[in-house]
Amino acid sequence: MAYDLKKQLRDMDAPVIVFEQVSKAYQKGTPAVNNISLQIRKGEFVFIVGSSGSGKSTVIKLMLKEIEPTSGKVYVNYKDLSRLKRGQIAKYRRSIGVVFQNFRLLKDRNVYENVAFAQRVIEMPGRTIRRQVPAILSVMGLTDKHKALPSQLSGGEQQRVALARALVNNPVILLADEPTGNLDPKNSWEIMRLLDEINKRGTTVVVVTHNSDIVDKMQKRVITMNKGILISDEQKGGYTHAY
């Protein structure tokens, strides 16, 4: 049955991410994503796991509309991404928080300016920036680092800055692609603790990771992919999602 956006929006429990029989082939051969369907509801914390080449990062790119599906439909934050015009894509992406493995901080700007940049690009008033940036830096435990350059920070601190930047505009959804990939175990757990806290405040969190230790211990919903196919979708504790 096709996903009915208007009907779902009448439902208070409407999913904020929907993949409807989505495939993506970069070239002839096995698709990177092969006919997957899934729904992620507002406020969920979901891991997407799988070996290298399983298609999990392609799923994130599809959510960000960095690539287009070969077939099927993707809906994010109640938007049919296939209907977004080119001029609307940048605005759409700014409504979603994104964190990457390699931090992607502006090297010539301090912590405060890296976070403020996310608000300046959407033309947030200066008074709002001066209020919200210190507030999110406090949540991330970075108040005393606000003048530091990225090169003066540890890997864990840099990832917390990236998280602060992703969250300062209060996104409904946070996508994290291997957020602990460059971190040691202690800092990895600190980042996951922050993601869990962010989720408890109402943000939908989707984490792509290969860290099985974190996945096993956090007891969240886990979507497993293999060679582009969604092979399992399980809520730790026994419940399996079925669509």
Foldseek 3Di string as FASTA:
>chain_A
DDDDLVVLVVPPFRFQKWWAQFWAQPDPDQTLAGGDTDTHTWLAAEEEEEDPSQNPVVVVCCQLVVDDTPDTWIGHRSRTVVPDDPVCSVVVNLLEFEAEQVLPFDQVAFLLVRLLVSVVVVPDDPVLSVPQSCVLCVLLVNNVRRRPGPVVDDLLVSLSSSVSSRPSVPHQEYEYEASCVPDDPVSVVVVVVSVVVVSVVTHYYYYYHHPVVVVVPVQGWYFYGGSNYGPFTDRRPGDGDDD
